[in-house]
Amino acid sequence: MHPFLRGRPNSTLTEREIEVLKLIAEGLIDREIGARLCISPETVKRHGSNIRNKIGLDNRTEMALFAIRQGLATA
């Protein structure tokens, strides 16, 4: 797990959440992310919600910027 925290010591992103975050930063939609990771779009949505809650972000744009700033994706 990677130590991306929102202020709670146990709020780390899972490896799968990081994979989803990277693909969101690439501009993929849930259906495309799901196809690439062999998971359903609903599961992608759940991962996205978990990411937002853990890091304290409001939307996909903030998630993409976060990923870029953390070096997980490029602009």
PDB file of N, CA and C in Angstrom:
ATOM      1  N   MET A   1       0.826  -1.194   0.000  1.00  0.00           N
ATOM      2  CA  MET A   1       0.000   0.000   0.000  1.00  0.00           C
ATOM      3  C   MET A   1       0.868   1.255   0.000  1.00  0.00           C
ATOM      4  N   HIS A   2       0.316   2.310  -0.565  1.00  0.00           N
ATOM      5  CA  HIS A   2       1.025   3.580  -0.632  1.00  0.00           C
ATOM      6  C   HIS A   2       0.465   4.537   0.418  1.00  0.00           C
ATOM      7  N   PRO A   3       1.307   5.350   1.002  1.00  0.00           N
ATOM      8  CA  PRO A   3       0.880   6.213   2.108  1.00  0.00           C
ATOM      9  C   PRO A   3       0.265   7.543   1.680  1.00  0.00           C
ATOM     10  N   PHE A   4      -0.821   7.502   0.878  1.00  0.00           N
ATOM     11  CA  PHE A   4      -1.524   8.728   0.546  1.00  0.00           C
ATOM     12  C   PHE A   4      -2.569   8.942   1.633  1.00  0.00           C
ATOM     13  N   LEU A   5      -2.381   9.950   2.430  1.00  0.00           N
ATOM     14  CA  LEU A   5      -3.217  10.158   3.598  1.00  0.00           C
ATOM     15  C   LEU A   5      -4.062  11.407   3.491  1.00  0.00           C
ATOM     16  N   ARG A   6      -5.182  11.395   4.162  1.00  0.00           N
ATOM     17  CA  ARG A   6      -6.037  12.557   4.236  1.00  0.00           C
ATOM     18  C   ARG A   6      -6.020  13.130   5.646  1.00  0.00           C
ATOM     19  N   GLY A   7      -5.283  12.619   6.525  1.00  0.00           N
ATOM     20  CA  GLY A   7      -5.298  13.087   7.896  1.00  0.00           C
ATOM     21  C   GLY A   7      -5.572  11.961   8.868  1.00  0.00           C
ATOM     22  N   ARG A   8      -6.049  10.853   8.353  1.00  0.00           N
ATOM     23  CA  ARG A   8      -6.260   9.676   9.188  1.00  0.00           C
ATOM     24  C   ARG A   8      -5.128   8.713   8.921  1.00  0.00           C
ATOM     25  N   PRO A   9      -4.421   8.274   9.929  1.00  0.00           N
ATOM     26  CA  PRO A   9      -3.242   7.439   9.740  1.00  0.00           C
ATOM     27  C   PRO A   9      -3.479   6.145   8.971  1.00  0.00           C
ATOM     28  N   ASN A  10      -4.691   5.610   8.995  1.00  0.00           N
ATOM     29  CA  ASN A  10      -4.948   4.340   8.329  1.00  0.00           C
ATOM     30  C   ASN A  10      -5.621   4.497   6.971  1.00  0.00           C
ATOM     31  N   SER A  11      -5.642   5.710   6.430  1.00  0.00           N
ATOM     32  CA  SER A  11      -6.296   5.970   5.153  1.00  0.00           C
ATOM     33  C   SER A  11      -5.317   5.845   4.000  1.00  0.00           C
ATOM     34  N   THR A  12      -4.929   4.643   3.686  1.00  0.00           N
ATOM     35  CA  THR A  12      -4.017   4.431   2.578  1.00  0.00           C
ATOM     36  C   THR A  12      -4.782   3.862   1.396  1.00  0.00           C
ATOM     37  N   LEU A  13      -4.295   4.159   0.198  1.00  0.00           N
ATOM     38  CA  LEU A  13      -4.912   3.623  -1.000  1.00  0.00           C
ATOM     39  C   LEU A  13      -4.380   2.220  -1.257  1.00  0.00           C
ATOM     40  N   THR A  14      -5.284   1.363  -1.711  1.00  0.00           N
ATOM     41  CA  THR A  14      -4.870   0.015  -2.091  1.00  0.00           C
ATOM     42  C   THR A  14      -4.185   0.069  -3.452  1.00  0.00           C
ATOM     43  N   GLU A  15      -3.522  -1.007  -3.810  1.00  0.00           N
ATOM     44  CA  GLU A  15      -2.883  -1.077  -5.121  1.00  0.00           C
ATOM     45  C   GLU A  15      -3.916  -0.896  -6.233  1.00  0.00           C
ATOM     46  N   ARG A  16      -5.088  -1.498  -6.080  1.00  0.00           N
ATOM     47  CA  ARG A  16      -6.146  -1.382  -7.093  1.00  0.00           C
ATOM     48  C   ARG A  16      -6.644   0.056  -7.187  1.00  0.00           C
ATOM     49  N   GLU A  17      -6.814   0.711  -6.052  1.00  0.00           N
ATOM     50  CA  GLU A  17      -7.244   2.110  -6.070  1.00  0.00           C
ATOM     51  C   GLU A  17      -6.221   2.983  -6.794  1.00  0.00           C
ATOM     52  N   ILE A  18      -4.952   2.689  -6.607  1.00  0.00           N
ATOM     53  CA  ILE A  18      -3.900   3.444  -7.297  1.00  0.00           C
ATOM     54  C   ILE A  18      -3.968   3.185  -8.799  1.00  0.00           C
ATOM     55  N   GLU A  19      -4.227   1.939  -9.192  1.00  0.00           N
ATOM     56  CA  GLU A  19      -4.385   1.638 -10.615  1.00  0.00           C
ATOM     57  C   GLU A  19      -5.540   2.437 -11.214  1.00  0.00           C
ATOM     58  N   VAL A  20      -6.662   2.459 -10.507  1.00  0.00           N
ATOM     59  CA  VAL A  20      -7.833   3.212 -10.972  1.00  0.00           C
ATOM     60  C   VAL A  20      -7.505   4.695 -11.041  1.00  0.00           C
ATOM     61  N   LEU A  21      -6.838   5.215 -10.031  1.00  0.00           N
ATOM     62  CA  LEU A  21      -6.469   6.633  -9.995  1.00  0.00           C
ATOM     63  C   LEU A  21      -5.597   7.000 -11.195  1.00  0.00           C
ATOM     64  N   LYS A  22      -4.634   6.168 -11.522  1.00  0.00           N
ATOM     65  CA  LYS A  22      -3.769   6.410 -12.678  1.00  0.00           C
ATOM     66  C   LYS A  22      -4.584   6.482 -13.968  1.00  0.00           C
ATOM     67  N   LEU A  23      -5.528   5.580 -14.125  1.00  0.00           N
ATOM     68  CA  LEU A  23      -6.329   5.542 -15.346  1.00  0.00           C
ATOM     69  C   LEU A  23      -7.308   6.709 -15.410  1.00  0.00           C
ATOM     70  N   ILE A  24      -7.811   7.141 -14.273  1.00  0.00           N
ATOM     71  CA  ILE A  24      -8.643   8.346 -14.243  1.00  0.00           C
ATOM     72  C   ILE A  24      -7.817   9.532 -14.717  1.00  0.00           C
ATOM     73  N   ALA A  25      -6.575   9.604 -14.257  1.00  0.00           N
ATOM     74  CA  ALA A  25      -5.689  10.699 -14.659  1.00  0.00           C
ATOM     75  C   ALA A  25      -5.391  10.664 -16.154  1.00  0.00           C
ATOM     76  N   GLU A  26      -5.458   9.490 -16.765  1.00  0.00           N
ATOM     77  CA  GLU A  26      -5.260   9.370 -18.206  1.00  0.00           C
ATOM     78  C   GLU A  26      -6.492   9.807 -18.987  1.00  0.00           C
ATOM     79  N   GLY A  27      -7.595  10.040 -18.267  1.00  0.00           N
ATOM     80  CA  GLY A  27      -8.811  10.514 -18.917  1.00  0.00           C
ATOM     81  C   GLY A  27      -9.800   9.428 -19.296  1.00  0.00           C
ATOM     82  N   LEU A  28      -9.576   8.198 -18.830  1.00  0.00           N
ATOM     83  CA  LEU A  28     -10.484   7.114 -19.158  1.00  0.00           C
ATOM     84  C   LEU A  28     -11.769   7.224 -18.353  1.00  0.00           C
ATOM     85  N   ILE A  29     -12.871   6.763 -18.945  1.00  0.00           N
ATOM     86  CA  ILE A  29     -14.148   6.724 -18.232  1.00  0.00           C
ATOM     87  C   ILE A  29     -14.270   5.366 -17.540  1.00  0.00           C
ATOM     88  N   ASP A  30     -15.255   5.250 -16.648  1.00  0.00           N
ATOM     89  CA  ASP A  30     -15.398   4.031 -15.835  1.00  0.00           C
ATOM     90  C   ASP A  30     -15.461   2.763 -16.683  1.00  0.00           C
ATOM     91  N   ARG A  31     -16.212   2.800 -17.780  1.00  0.00           N
ATOM     92  CA  ARG A  31     -16.342   1.620 -18.640  1.00  0.00           C
ATOM     93  C   ARG A  31     -14.985   1.211 -19.217  1.00  0.00           C
ATOM     94  N   GLU A  32     -14.188   2.190 -19.626  1.00  0.00           N
ATOM     95  CA  GLU A  32     -12.866   1.903 -20.189  1.00  0.00           C
ATOM     96  C   GLU A  32     -11.904   1.376 -19.125  1.00  0.00           C
ATOM     97  N   ILE A  33     -11.972   1.981 -17.948  1.00  0.00           N
ATOM     98  CA  ILE A  33     -11.126   1.524 -16.843  1.00  0.00           C
ATOM     99  C   ILE A  33     -11.491   0.085 -16.479  1.00  0.00           C
ATOM    100  N   GLY A  34     -12.787  -0.171 -16.381  1.00  0.00           N
ATOM    101  CA  GLY A  34     -13.245  -1.514 -16.055  1.00  0.00           C
ATOM    102  C   GLY A  34     -12.774  -2.548 -17.060  1.00  0.00           C
ATOM    103  N   ALA A  35     -12.861  -2.200 -18.343  1.00  0.00           N
ATOM    104  CA  ALA A  35     -12.419  -3.125 -19.396  1.00  0.00           C
ATOM    105  C   ALA A  35     -10.923  -3.387 -19.282  1.00  0.00           C
ATOM    106  N   ARG A  36     -10.170  -2.349 -19.017  1.00  0.00           N
ATOM    107  CA  ARG A  36      -8.720  -2.506 -18.934  1.00  0.00           C
ATOM    108  C   ARG A  36      -8.310  -3.344 -17.723  1.00  0.00           C
ATOM    109  N   LEU A  37      -9.033  -3.191 -16.601  1.00  0.00           N
ATOM    110  CA  LEU A  37      -8.680  -3.903 -15.367  1.00  0.00           C
ATOM    111  C   LEU A  37      -9.498  -5.172 -15.152  1.00  0.00           C
ATOM    112  N   CYS A  38     -10.393  -5.476 -16.092  1.00  0.00           N
ATOM    113  CA  CYS A  38     -11.264  -6.656 -15.991  1.00  0.00           C
ATOM    114  C   CYS A  38     -12.140  -6.620 -14.745  1.00  0.00           C
ATOM    115  N   ILE A  39     -12.721  -5.449 -14.499  1.00  0.00           N
ATOM    116  CA  ILE A  39     -13.684  -5.274 -13.409  1.00  0.00           C
ATOM    117  C   ILE A  39     -14.880  -4.519 -13.968  1.00  0.00           C
ATOM    118  N   SER A  40     -15.997  -4.535 -13.255  1.00  0.00           N
ATOM    119  CA  SER A  40     -17.191  -3.861 -13.750  1.00  0.00           C
ATOM    120  C   SER A  40     -17.085  -2.346 -13.554  1.00  0.00           C
ATOM    121  N   PRO A  41     -17.822  -1.574 -14.364  1.00  0.00           N
ATOM    122  CA  PRO A  41     -17.845  -0.126 -14.171  1.00  0.00           C
ATOM    123  C   PRO A  41     -18.337   0.257 -12.771  1.00  0.00           C
ATOM    124  N   GLU A  42     -19.217  -0.549 -12.194  1.00  0.00           N
ATOM    125  CA  GLU A  42     -19.707  -0.276 -10.842  1.00  0.00           C
ATOM    126  C   GLU A  42     -18.585  -0.412  -9.821  1.00  0.00           C
ATOM    127  N   THR A  43     -17.714  -1.389 -10.029  1.00  0.00           N
ATOM    128  CA  THR A  43     -16.569  -1.562  -9.142  1.00  0.00           C
ATOM    129  C   THR A  43     -15.609  -0.390  -9.292  1.00  0.00           C
ATOM    130  N   VAL A  44     -15.436   0.086 -10.508  1.00  0.00           N
ATOM    131  CA  VAL A  44     -14.599   1.269 -10.739  1.00  0.00           C
ATOM    132  C   VAL A  44     -15.178   2.459  -9.978  1.00  0.00           C
ATOM    133  N   LYS A  45     -16.491   2.635 -10.039  1.00  0.00           N
ATOM    134  CA  LYS A  45     -17.143   3.744  -9.311  1.00  0.00           C
ATOM    135  C   LYS A  45     -16.896   3.623  -7.804  1.00  0.00           C
ATOM    136  N   ARG A  46     -16.983   2.402  -7.292  1.00  0.00           N
ATOM    137  CA  ARG A  46     -16.747   2.186  -5.865  1.00  0.00           C
ATOM    138  C   ARG A  46     -15.309   2.538  -5.497  1.00  0.00           C
ATOM    139  N   HIS A  47     -14.361   2.121  -6.316  1.00  0.00           N
ATOM    140  CA  HIS A  47     -12.957   2.466  -6.069  1.00  0.00           C
ATOM    141  C   HIS A  47     -12.775   3.991  -6.107  1.00  0.00           C
ATOM    142  N   GLY A  48     -13.406   4.643  -7.078  1.00  0.00           N
ATOM    143  CA  GLY A  48     -13.314   6.101  -7.175  1.00  0.00           C
ATOM    144  C   GLY A  48     -13.858   6.789  -5.939  1.00  0.00           C
ATOM    145  N   SER A  49     -14.967   6.306  -5.444  1.00  0.00           N
ATOM    146  CA  SER A  49     -15.555   6.863  -4.226  1.00  0.00           C
ATOM    147  C   SER A  49     -14.633   6.661  -3.034  1.00  0.00           C
ATOM    148  N   ASN A  50     -14.048   5.476  -2.933  1.00  0.00           N
ATOM    149  CA  ASN A  50     -13.113   5.199  -1.839  1.00  0.00           C
ATOM    150  C   ASN A  50     -11.902   6.124  -1.911  1.00  0.00           C
ATOM    151  N   ILE A  51     -11.389   6.330  -3.120  1.00  0.00           N
ATOM    152  CA  ILE A  51     -10.238   7.217  -3.307  1.00  0.00           C
ATOM    153  C   ILE A  51     -10.592   8.635  -2.850  1.00  0.00           C
ATOM    154  N   ARG A  52     -11.723   9.145  -3.325  1.00  0.00           N
ATOM    155  CA  ARG A  52     -12.139  10.507  -2.949  1.00  0.00           C
ATOM    156  C   ARG A  52     -12.289  10.649  -1.441  1.00  0.00           C
ATOM    157  N   ASN A  53     -12.894   9.662  -0.812  1.00  0.00           N
ATOM    158  CA  ASN A  53     -13.093   9.722   0.639  1.00  0.00           C
ATOM    159  C   ASN A  53     -11.781   9.643   1.404  1.00  0.00           C
ATOM    160  N   LYS A  54     -10.885   8.792   0.971  1.00  0.00           N
ATOM    161  CA  LYS A  54      -9.612   8.622   1.679  1.00  0.00           C
ATOM    162  C   LYS A  54      -8.717   9.849   1.554  1.00  0.00           C
ATOM    163  N   ILE A  55      -8.704  10.463   0.379  1.00  0.00           N
ATOM    164  CA  ILE A  55      -7.792  11.574   0.141  1.00  0.00           C
ATOM    165  C   ILE A  55      -8.462  12.921   0.398  1.00  0.00           C
ATOM    166  N   GLY A  56      -9.770  12.952   0.382  1.00  0.00           N
ATOM    167  CA  GLY A  56     -10.494  14.199   0.626  1.00  0.00           C
ATOM    168  C   GLY A  56     -10.667  15.031  -0.626  1.00  0.00           C
ATOM    169  N   LEU A  57     -10.964  14.376  -1.739  1.00  0.00           N
ATOM    170  CA  LEU A  57     -11.154  15.062  -3.007  1.00  0.00           C
ATOM    171  C   LEU A  57     -12.633  15.072  -3.369  1.00  0.00           C
ATOM    172  N   ASP A  58     -13.003  16.016  -4.242  1.00  0.00           N
ATOM    173  CA  ASP A  58     -14.417  16.162  -4.589  1.00  0.00           C
ATOM    174  C   ASP A  58     -14.822  15.576  -5.935  1.00  0.00           C
ATOM    175  N   ASN A  59     -13.880  15.452  -6.878  1.00  0.00           N
ATOM    176  CA  ASN A  59     -14.282  15.022  -8.217  1.00  0.00           C
ATOM    177  C   ASN A  59     -13.096  14.411  -8.974  1.00  0.00           C
ATOM    178  N   ARG A  60     -13.382  13.939 -10.192  1.00  0.00           N
ATOM    179  CA  ARG A  60     -12.365  13.272 -11.007  1.00  0.00           C
ATOM    180  C   ARG A  60     -11.233  14.215 -11.410  1.00  0.00           C
ATOM    181  N   THR A  61     -11.560  15.481 -11.615  1.00  0.00           N
ATOM    182  CA  THR A  61     -10.518  16.446 -11.972  1.00  0.00           C
ATOM    183  C   THR A  61      -9.505  16.567 -10.843  1.00  0.00           C
ATOM    184  N   GLU A  62      -9.986  16.697  -9.621  1.00  0.00           N
ATOM    185  CA  GLU A  62      -9.085  16.764  -8.467  1.00  0.00           C
ATOM    186  C   GLU A  62      -8.292  15.472  -8.325  1.00  0.00           C
ATOM    187  N   MET A  63      -8.931  14.350  -8.624  1.00  0.00           N
ATOM    188  CA  MET A  63      -8.236  13.066  -8.540  1.00  0.00           C
ATOM    189  C   MET A  63      -7.101  13.017  -9.566  1.00  0.00           C
ATOM    190  N   ALA A  64      -7.368  13.481 -10.787  1.00  0.00           N
ATOM    191  CA  ALA A  64      -6.339  13.478 -11.830  1.00  0.00           C
ATOM    192  C   ALA A  64      -5.188  14.396 -11.447  1.00  0.00           C
ATOM    193  N   LEU A  65      -5.495  15.585 -10.947  1.00  0.00           N
ATOM    194  CA  LEU A  65      -4.441  16.505 -10.521  1.00  0.00           C
ATOM    195  C   LEU A  65      -3.615  15.916  -9.385  1.00  0.00           C
ATOM    196  N   PHE A  66      -4.282  15.259  -8.452  1.00  0.00           N
ATOM    197  CA  PHE A  66      -3.585  14.618  -7.345  1.00  0.00           C
ATOM    198  C   PHE A  66      -2.609  13.576  -7.877  1.00  0.00           C
ATOM    199  N   ALA A  67      -3.083  12.735  -8.802  1.00  0.00           N
ATOM    200  CA  ALA A  67      -2.234  11.683  -9.371  1.00  0.00           C
ATOM    201  C   ALA A  67      -1.023  12.279 -10.063  1.00  0.00           C
ATOM    202  N   ILE A  68      -1.219  13.359 -10.796  1.00  0.00           N
ATOM    203  CA  ILE A  68      -0.094  14.013 -11.481  1.00  0.00           C
ATOM    204  C   ILE A  68       0.887  14.586 -10.481  1.00  0.00           C
ATOM    205  N   ARG A  69       0.384  15.258  -9.472  1.00  0.00           N
ATOM    206  CA  ARG A  69       1.259  15.864  -8.449  1.00  0.00           C
ATOM    207  C   ARG A  69       2.029  14.825  -7.664  1.00  0.00           C
ATOM    208  N   GLN A  70       1.456  13.637  -7.522  1.00  0.00           N
ATOM    209  CA  GLN A  70       2.125  12.560  -6.777  1.00  0.00           C
ATOM    210  C   GLN A  70       3.064  11.751  -7.666  1.00  0.00           C
ATOM    211  N   GLY A  71       3.124  12.102  -8.945  1.00  0.00           N
ATOM    212  CA  GLY A  71       4.018  11.391  -9.862  1.00  0.00           C
ATOM    213  C   GLY A  71       3.451  10.060 -10.352  1.00  0.00           C
ATOM    214  N   LEU A  72       2.145   9.858 -10.187  1.00  0.00           N
ATOM    215  CA  LEU A  72       1.516   8.628 -10.644  1.00  0.00           C
ATOM    216  C   LEU A  72       1.115   8.689 -12.101  1.00  0.00           C
ATOM    217  N   ALA A  73       1.008   9.895 -12.635  1.00  0.00           N
ATOM    218  CA  ALA A  73       0.609  10.109 -14.018  1.00  0.00           C
ATOM    219  C   ALA A  73       1.298  11.363 -14.538  1.00  0.00           C
ATOM    220  N   THR A  74       1.287  11.501 -15.854  1.00  0.00           N
ATOM    221  CA  THR A  74       1.867  12.701 -16.441  1.00  0.00           C
ATOM    222  C   THR A  74       0.765  13.545 -17.070  1.00  0.00           C
ATOM    223  N   ALA A  75       1.034  14.811 -17.157  1.00  0.00           N
ATOM    224  CA  ALA A  75       0.037  15.740 -17.722  1.00  0.00           C
ATOM    225  C   ALA A  75      -0.015  15.624 -19.217  1.00  0.00           C
TER     226      ALA A  75
END
